[in-house]
Protein backbone atom coordinates (compact mmCIF):
# COMPACT_ATOMS: atom_id res chain seq x y z
CA MET A 1 11.65 -1.17 -76.00
CA LYS A 2 8.91 0.14 -73.74
CA LEU A 3 8.32 -3.34 -72.27
CA GLN A 4 12.05 -3.78 -71.57
CA ALA A 5 12.16 -0.43 -69.73
CA VAL A 6 9.29 -1.51 -67.48
CA TRP A 7 10.97 -4.80 -66.56
CA PHE A 8 14.28 -3.02 -65.96
CA HIS A 9 12.58 -0.55 -63.59
CA ARG A 10 10.89 -3.37 -61.64
CA ALA A 11 14.13 -5.36 -61.38
CA ARG A 12 16.03 -2.33 -60.04
CA LYS A 13 13.31 -1.70 -57.44
CA ALA A 14 13.46 -5.34 -56.29
CA VAL A 15 17.25 -5.13 -55.90
CA VAL A 16 16.95 -1.97 -53.76
CA ILE A 17 14.37 -3.63 -51.48
CA LEU A 18 16.55 -6.74 -51.14
CA ILE A 19 19.60 -4.67 -50.20
CA GLY A 20 17.52 -2.82 -47.56
CA LEU A 21 16.39 -6.07 -46.00
CA VAL A 22 19.94 -7.41 -45.85
CA LEU A 23 21.19 -4.25 -44.16
CA ALA A 24 18.36 -4.41 -41.63
CA LEU A 25 19.30 -7.90 -40.47
CA PRO A 26 21.45 -8.09 -37.29
CA SER A 27 25.05 -9.04 -37.82
CA ALA A 28 26.41 -12.34 -36.67
CA ASP A 29 28.30 -10.53 -33.91
CA ALA A 30 25.22 -8.91 -32.48
CA ASP A 31 24.35 -9.73 -28.87
CA ASP A 32 21.05 -11.59 -28.89
CA SER A 33 20.40 -10.64 -25.27
CA VAL A 34 19.99 -7.01 -26.30
CA ALA A 35 17.00 -7.88 -28.46
CA GLN A 36 15.45 -9.84 -25.62
CA ASP A 37 16.16 -7.44 -22.75
CA PRO A 38 13.82 -4.42 -22.93
CA ALA A 39 15.97 -2.51 -20.48
CA MET A 40 18.78 -2.46 -23.09
CA VAL A 41 16.82 -1.76 -26.21
CA GLY A 42 16.00 1.82 -25.28
CA GLN A 43 13.39 3.52 -27.40
CA GLU A 44 13.03 0.58 -29.77
CA VAL A 45 10.73 -1.12 -27.24
CA SER A 46 7.65 0.73 -25.97
CA TRP A 47 6.71 0.85 -22.31
CA GLN A 48 3.64 -1.27 -23.10
CA GLN A 49 5.90 -4.01 -24.45
CA MET A 50 8.20 -3.72 -21.43
CA ALA A 51 5.20 -4.01 -19.10
CA ALA A 52 3.93 -7.03 -21.03
CA MET A 53 7.28 -8.79 -20.79
CA SER A 54 7.50 -7.99 -17.08
CA LEU A 55 4.07 -9.42 -16.31
CA ALA A 56 4.62 -12.40 -18.59
CA ALA A 57 7.65 -13.24 -16.44
CA GLY A 58 5.45 -13.12 -13.35
CA GLY A 59 7.54 -10.40 -11.78
CA ASN A 60 10.43 -12.81 -11.28
CA LYS A 61 12.86 -10.32 -12.78
CA ALA A 62 13.72 -6.89 -11.42
CA THR A 63 11.34 -4.45 -13.15
CA CYS A 64 9.43 -1.25 -12.41
CA PHE A 65 6.03 -2.49 -13.56
CA ASN A 66 4.40 -3.42 -10.25
CA PRO A 67 0.64 -3.83 -10.96
CA LEU A 68 -0.16 -2.10 -7.65
CA PHE A 69 1.10 1.16 -9.14
CA LYS A 70 0.19 0.76 -12.82
CA THR A 71 -1.57 4.15 -12.87
CA HIS A 72 1.91 5.68 -12.63
CA TRP A 73 3.93 3.33 -14.81
CA ALA A 74 6.58 4.82 -17.05
CA GLY A 75 5.36 6.09 -20.41
CA LYS A 76 2.79 8.53 -19.04
CA SER A 77 3.34 12.13 -20.17
CA ASP A 78 0.51 13.86 -18.30
CA ILE A 79 1.35 12.68 -14.75
CA ARG A 80 4.44 12.01 -12.69
CA HIS A 81 5.51 8.41 -13.10
CA LEU A 82 7.92 5.73 -11.97
CA GLY A 83 11.10 4.90 -13.82
CA ALA A 84 11.04 2.62 -16.85
CA GLU A 85 13.76 0.40 -15.40
CA PRO A 86 15.61 0.07 -12.09
CA LYS A 87 18.30 2.70 -11.69
CA LEU A 88 20.52 3.85 -8.84
CA GLN A 89 18.42 5.89 -6.42
CA GLN A 90 19.86 9.11 -5.04
CA GLY A 91 18.39 11.97 -3.05
CA LEU A 92 15.09 10.35 -2.08
CA GLN A 93 13.59 12.19 0.89
CA LEU A 94 10.62 9.95 1.68
CA CYS A 95 11.69 6.41 0.76
CA GLN A 96 15.23 6.92 2.01
CA SER A 97 16.05 3.25 2.48
CA TYR A 98 16.16 2.87 -1.33
CA ASN A 99 18.95 5.42 -1.74
CA ALA A 100 22.28 4.04 -2.98
CA GLN A 101 20.60 1.00 -4.56
CA LYS A 102 18.71 0.25 -7.73
CA GLY A 103 15.04 1.16 -7.56
CA CYS A 104 12.09 2.57 -9.48
CA CYS A 105 11.28 5.88 -7.77
CA LEU A 106 12.19 9.12 -9.49
CA ASN A 107 12.74 12.08 -7.19
CA SER A 108 9.79 13.87 -8.78
CA PHE A 109 7.55 10.87 -8.06
CA GLU A 110 7.86 11.44 -4.32
CA HIS A 111 5.39 14.30 -4.75
CA VAL A 112 2.79 11.69 -5.74
CA LEU A 113 3.68 9.54 -2.74
CA SER A 114 3.39 12.54 -0.42
CA LYS A 115 -0.08 13.41 -1.70
CA ALA A 116 -1.24 9.81 -1.32
CA PHE A 117 0.08 9.69 2.25
CA GLN A 118 -1.73 12.92 3.15
CA HIS A 119 -4.90 11.32 1.85
CA TRP A 120 -4.50 8.54 4.43
CA VAL A 121 -3.69 11.05 7.17
CA THR A 122 -6.98 12.80 6.39
CA HIS A 123 -8.78 9.43 6.38
CA TRP A 124 -7.66 8.51 9.90
CA LYS A 125 -8.11 12.05 11.22
CA ARG A 126 -11.71 11.84 10.08
CA LYS A 127 -12.21 8.64 12.04
CA SER A 128 -10.65 10.24 15.11
CA GLN A 129 -12.92 13.26 14.79
CA ASN A 130 -15.98 11.05 14.38
CA LEU A 131 -15.19 9.33 17.68
CA LYS A 132 -14.82 12.68 19.43
CA SER A 133 -18.03 14.01 17.87
CA PHE A 134 -19.97 10.98 19.10
CA GLN A 135 -18.56 11.50 22.59
CA ILE A 136 -19.66 15.15 22.52
CA GLN A 137 -23.19 14.14 21.55
CA MET A 138 -23.27 11.67 24.44
CA ALA A 139 -22.27 14.47 26.79
CA LYS A 140 -25.23 16.50 25.50
CA VAL A 141 -27.60 13.60 26.14
CA LYS A 142 -26.20 13.39 29.68
CA VAL A 143 -27.63 16.85 30.49
CA SER A 144 -30.85 16.46 28.51
CA GLN A 145 -34.39 15.87 29.77
CA VAL A 146 -34.38 12.48 28.08
CA TYR A 147 -31.62 11.36 30.45
CA VAL A 148 -33.29 12.88 33.51
CA LYS A 149 -36.61 11.14 32.81
CA ALA A 150 -35.02 7.75 32.05
CA ASP A 151 -35.15 5.01 34.66
CA LYS A 152 -32.18 4.16 36.85
CA LEU A 153 -31.10 1.15 34.77
CA GLN A 154 -31.01 3.09 31.51
CA ARG A 155 -29.03 5.92 33.11
CA ALA A 156 -26.53 3.40 34.45
CA LEU A 157 -26.13 1.72 31.07
CA PHE A 158 -25.66 5.11 29.41
CA ASP A 159 -23.07 6.17 31.99
CA ARG A 160 -21.05 3.03 31.29
CA ALA A 161 -21.23 3.74 27.56
CA VAL A 162 -19.97 7.27 28.14
CA SER A 163 -17.07 6.11 30.30
CA SER A 164 -16.03 3.51 27.70
CA PHE A 165 -14.93 6.28 25.31
CA SER A 166 -12.03 7.39 27.50
CA LEU A 167 -9.85 4.35 26.76
CA VAL A 168 -10.72 4.47 23.06
CA LEU A 169 -9.54 8.07 22.79
CA LYS A 170 -6.53 7.26 24.97
CA TRP A 171 -5.19 4.48 22.72
CA HIS A 172 -6.43 5.41 19.26
CA GLY A 173 -3.42 7.66 18.53
CA THR A 174 -0.88 4.89 19.01
CA CYS A 175 -2.87 2.57 16.76
CA PHE A 176 -3.63 5.07 14.01
CA ASP A 177 0.03 6.14 13.83
CA THR A 178 1.03 2.49 13.43
CA LEU A 179 -1.48 2.11 10.60
CA LEU A 180 0.06 5.17 8.92
CA GLU A 181 3.50 3.58 9.25
CA TYR A 182 2.18 0.50 7.48
CA LEU A 183 0.74 2.58 4.64
CA ALA A 184 3.94 4.62 4.33
CA GLY A 185 5.85 1.37 3.89
CA MET A 186 3.41 0.24 1.21
CA LEU A 187 3.85 3.53 -0.66
CA CYS A 188 7.61 3.00 -0.65
CA PHE A 189 6.99 -0.47 -2.07
CA ALA A 190 6.56 1.35 -5.39
CA CYS A 191 10.34 1.80 -5.42
CA ASP A 192 11.07 -1.92 -5.07
CA PRO A 193 12.10 -3.57 -8.37
CA LEU A 194 11.87 -7.03 -6.75
CA TRP A 195 8.16 -6.66 -6.10
CA GLY A 196 7.31 -9.89 -7.92
CA LYS A 197 8.97 -12.00 -5.22
CA LYS A 198 6.76 -10.48 -2.53
CA VAL A 199 3.23 -10.68 -3.94
CA PHE A 200 0.70 -13.22 -5.17
CA LEU A 201 -0.49 -12.38 -8.68
CA GLY A 202 -4.04 -13.02 -9.85
CA GLN A 203 -5.06 -15.53 -12.49
CA SER A 204 -4.62 -12.98 -15.27
CA GLY A 205 -1.09 -12.17 -14.14
CA ARG A 206 -1.91 -8.47 -14.41
CA SER A 207 -3.02 -7.73 -10.84
CA VAL A 208 -1.88 -8.40 -7.29
CA ASP A 209 -4.33 -10.46 -5.23
CA HIS A 210 -2.37 -10.73 -1.98
CA LEU A 211 0.73 -9.36 -0.29
CA HIS A 212 3.36 -11.63 1.24
CA VAL A 213 3.71 -9.67 4.49
CA ASP A 214 6.45 -10.35 7.00
CA ASP A 215 4.97 -11.43 10.33
CA SER A 216 7.02 -8.80 12.17
CA SER A 217 4.83 -6.14 10.53
CA ASN A 218 1.68 -8.00 11.57
CA GLU A 219 3.02 -8.25 15.12
CA ALA A 220 3.84 -4.53 15.14
CA LEU A 221 0.28 -3.79 14.01
CA TRP A 222 -1.16 -5.89 16.81
CA GLN A 223 1.10 -4.39 19.47
CA GLY A 224 0.14 -0.91 18.31
CA CYS A 225 -3.61 -1.59 18.14
CA ARG A 226 -4.45 -4.33 20.64
CA ARG A 227 -5.29 -1.88 23.45
CA LEU A 228 -7.53 0.13 21.15
CA GLY A 229 -9.09 -3.08 19.86
CA ALA A 230 -10.07 -4.17 23.37
CA ALA A 231 -11.33 -0.70 24.29
CA ALA A 232 -13.31 -0.35 21.05
CA SER A 233 -14.94 -3.75 21.53
CA ASP A 234 -16.08 -2.74 25.01
CA MET A 235 -17.28 0.65 23.74
CA GLN A 236 -19.37 -0.85 20.96
CA THR A 237 -20.94 -3.33 23.40
CA ARG A 238 -21.80 -0.57 25.89
CA VAL A 239 -23.29 1.67 23.22
CA ALA A 240 -25.34 -1.23 21.83
CA ASP A 241 -26.73 -1.96 25.33
CA SER A 242 -27.86 1.63 25.93
CA LYS A 243 -31.21 2.84 24.63
CA LEU A 244 -30.20 6.43 25.36
CA ALA A 245 -27.09 6.08 23.19
CA LYS A 246 -29.31 5.04 20.30
CA THR A 247 -30.94 8.47 20.34
CA ILE A 248 -27.72 9.87 18.84
CA TRP A 249 -27.99 10.05 15.07
CA LEU A 250 -24.26 10.26 14.34
CA PRO A 251 -22.66 7.06 13.01
CA LEU A 252 -20.38 5.23 15.44
CA GLU A 253 -17.04 4.27 13.91
CA ASP A 254 -16.67 0.53 13.40
CA LEU A 255 -13.30 -0.55 14.81
CA SER A 256 -14.04 -4.29 14.86
CA MET A 257 -11.12 -4.90 12.46
CA LEU A 258 -8.81 -4.22 15.42
CA SER A 259 -10.24 -7.02 17.56
CA SER A 260 -7.45 -9.55 16.84
CA LYS A 261 -4.04 -9.83 15.25
CA ILE A 262 -5.48 -11.76 12.30
CA ALA A 263 -8.26 -9.22 11.76
CA VAL A 264 -6.02 -6.15 11.76
CA SER A 265 -3.41 -7.91 9.59
CA GLN A 266 -5.99 -8.87 6.98
CA TYR A 267 -7.57 -5.42 7.07
CA MET A 268 -4.29 -3.61 6.47
CA ALA A 269 -3.22 -6.11 3.79
CA ARG A 270 -6.38 -5.20 1.87
CA LEU A 271 -5.69 -1.47 2.26
CA GLY A 272 -2.13 -2.08 1.12
CA LEU A 273 -3.41 -3.26 -2.27
CA TYR A 274 -4.46 0.30 -3.08
CA ALA A 275 -2.20 2.41 -0.88
CA LEU A 276 -1.58 4.72 -3.83
CA ARG A 277 -5.08 5.79 -4.74
CA GLY A 278 -5.69 7.37 -8.12
CA PRO A 279 -8.40 8.01 -10.73
CA SER A 280 -10.42 5.15 -12.18
CA GLU A 281 -8.21 3.08 -14.44
CA ASN A 282 -9.07 1.86 -17.91
CA LEU A 283 -8.61 -1.78 -18.84
CA LEU A 284 -4.90 -2.40 -19.22
CA VAL A 285 -3.98 -3.09 -22.86
CA LEU A 286 -0.67 -4.85 -23.36
CA SER A 287 1.33 -5.93 -26.36
CA PRO A 288 1.46 -9.63 -27.31
CA GLY A 289 3.35 -11.67 -24.75
CA GLY A 290 1.54 -10.27 -21.71
CA GLY A 291 -0.89 -11.81 -19.27
CA ASN A 292 -3.09 -13.39 -21.94
CA ALA A 293 -0.26 -15.03 -23.82
CA PRO A 294 -0.31 -18.80 -24.45
CA GLY A 295 1.37 -20.72 -21.70
CA ASN A 296 0.40 -18.21 -18.99
CA ASP A 297 -1.58 -20.84 -17.09
CA ALA A 298 1.46 -23.08 -17.07
CA ARG A 299 3.53 -20.24 -15.62
CA LEU A 300 1.00 -19.68 -12.82
CA LEU A 301 0.94 -23.40 -12.10
CA ALA A 302 4.72 -23.47 -11.94
CA ALA A 303 4.73 -20.48 -9.61
CA SER A 304 2.26 -22.13 -7.23
CA SER A 305 4.18 -25.39 -7.25
CA THR A 306 7.32 -23.62 -6.08
CA GLY A 307 5.53 -22.22 -3.06
CA GLY A 308 4.77 -18.73 -4.31
CA PRO A 309 6.74 -15.61 -3.39
CA SER A 310 10.17 -16.04 -1.87
CA GLY A 311 10.40 -12.62 -0.23
CA PHE A 312 8.36 -10.52 2.16
CA VAL A 313 6.97 -7.01 2.26
CA ASN A 314 7.69 -5.40 5.64
CA PRO A 315 5.50 -2.29 5.62
CA VAL A 316 5.77 -1.18 9.26
CA ARG A 317 9.55 -1.48 9.28
CA ASP A 318 9.85 0.37 5.96
CA GLY A 319 7.38 3.02 7.08
CA ARG A 320 9.32 3.68 10.28
CA ALA A 321 12.53 3.98 8.25
CA SER A 322 10.94 6.38 5.77
CA GLY A 323 10.75 10.17 5.75
CA PHE A 324 6.96 10.20 6.05
CA GLN A 325 5.65 12.01 9.11
CA CYS A 326 3.69 9.21 10.77
CA ALA A 327 3.50 10.73 14.27
CA VAL A 328 0.20 12.48 13.62
CA PHE A 329 -1.90 11.58 16.66
CA PRO A 330 -1.17 11.90 20.40
CA ARG A 331 0.52 8.74 21.55
CA ILE A 332 1.16 7.10 24.90
CA PRO A 333 4.47 5.17 25.06
CA PHE A 334 3.93 1.50 25.76
CA GLY A 335 6.29 1.54 28.76
CA LEU A 336 4.35 4.15 30.70
CA SER A 337 1.21 2.12 31.18
CA SER A 338 0.32 -1.56 31.21
CA SER A 339 -2.75 -3.06 29.58
CA MET A 340 -4.47 -3.08 33.01
CA GLY A 341 -3.90 0.63 33.45
CA VAL A 342 -1.25 0.16 36.18
CA THR A 343 1.61 2.62 35.98
CA VAL A 344 5.00 1.00 35.51
CA LEU A 345 7.71 2.55 37.71
CA PHE A 346 11.18 2.82 36.25
CA PRO A 347 14.27 3.29 38.49
CA TRP A 348 14.55 6.99 37.64
CA MET A 349 10.94 7.44 38.76
CA LEU A 350 11.76 5.91 42.14
CA VAL A 351 14.61 8.36 42.58
CA PHE A 352 12.34 11.34 41.99
CA SER A 353 9.61 9.91 44.20
CA SER A 354 12.08 9.53 47.08
CA LEU A 355 12.76 13.26 46.98
CA TRP A 356 9.19 14.11 47.88
């Protein structure tokens, strides 16, 4: 009797387990796409799994897991983060062009974008101040005994170095503001759910190696910085030629990245890869199906065979359309002076001049 009771208990337990498994199976009417689409599964799929699926797809689907901003992916509880999936944007004050369309920026996340932008403002203000500080030190050398006792050639070379700073300080505001517009546009790129069509992913599929930048942004960079680039090149040559200038121990800002359209475009594209600076990141750990999944190499090969990204990032345009305050430095409108320093007279100027 005791043996029969044991077998009866085991049989009843097996039946209960079997019934539980049957009830757990999806019905025949269930929509299979729900199980495959992380945006529809809700809490049943973790943000790590959603990120893995997004990167496994090479960013070809609209998602909010852009590797450029992975420090602030959804799922973080200790910092402000992006949305888990694209949703209708409303009330954005900084990245206003994403309002009334699906995007990834939560209103609270704009605080993070604002802090990152102020970091870049401080960065370029520091460069501006360094240029002015070097000029002040040159003015001190001008009235020093070292200058008085130098021969005529060295005084002439130093004088030319001093005069070369005027054009640098004249045009640096226009250029630096344009660079801030570029960075503002890259910060708003965090809101774009179609990021995968505008970047080149690395071999692992978990990082962005290059941006697919629209040439109009590169042209805007060059138009904003070409005068400063020419002035800075002349300044660095004059300072290098002067022995008296070498007595100044302050570092001279290197502005050689502004010497050509290609140089400034490549420089800003590199900065754009970490426009949103944050703390050091740990190695990204994803669920199965992410960048290290089997068949990932085939996906990268297929992506390269189709010509890469099909869209473009347009940072300067997006930055100018944003709510970021990019007019930080004193600027000279392009129409008021030509590259040769000749004043351009508009009709209304001629009218006023005729009155005198």
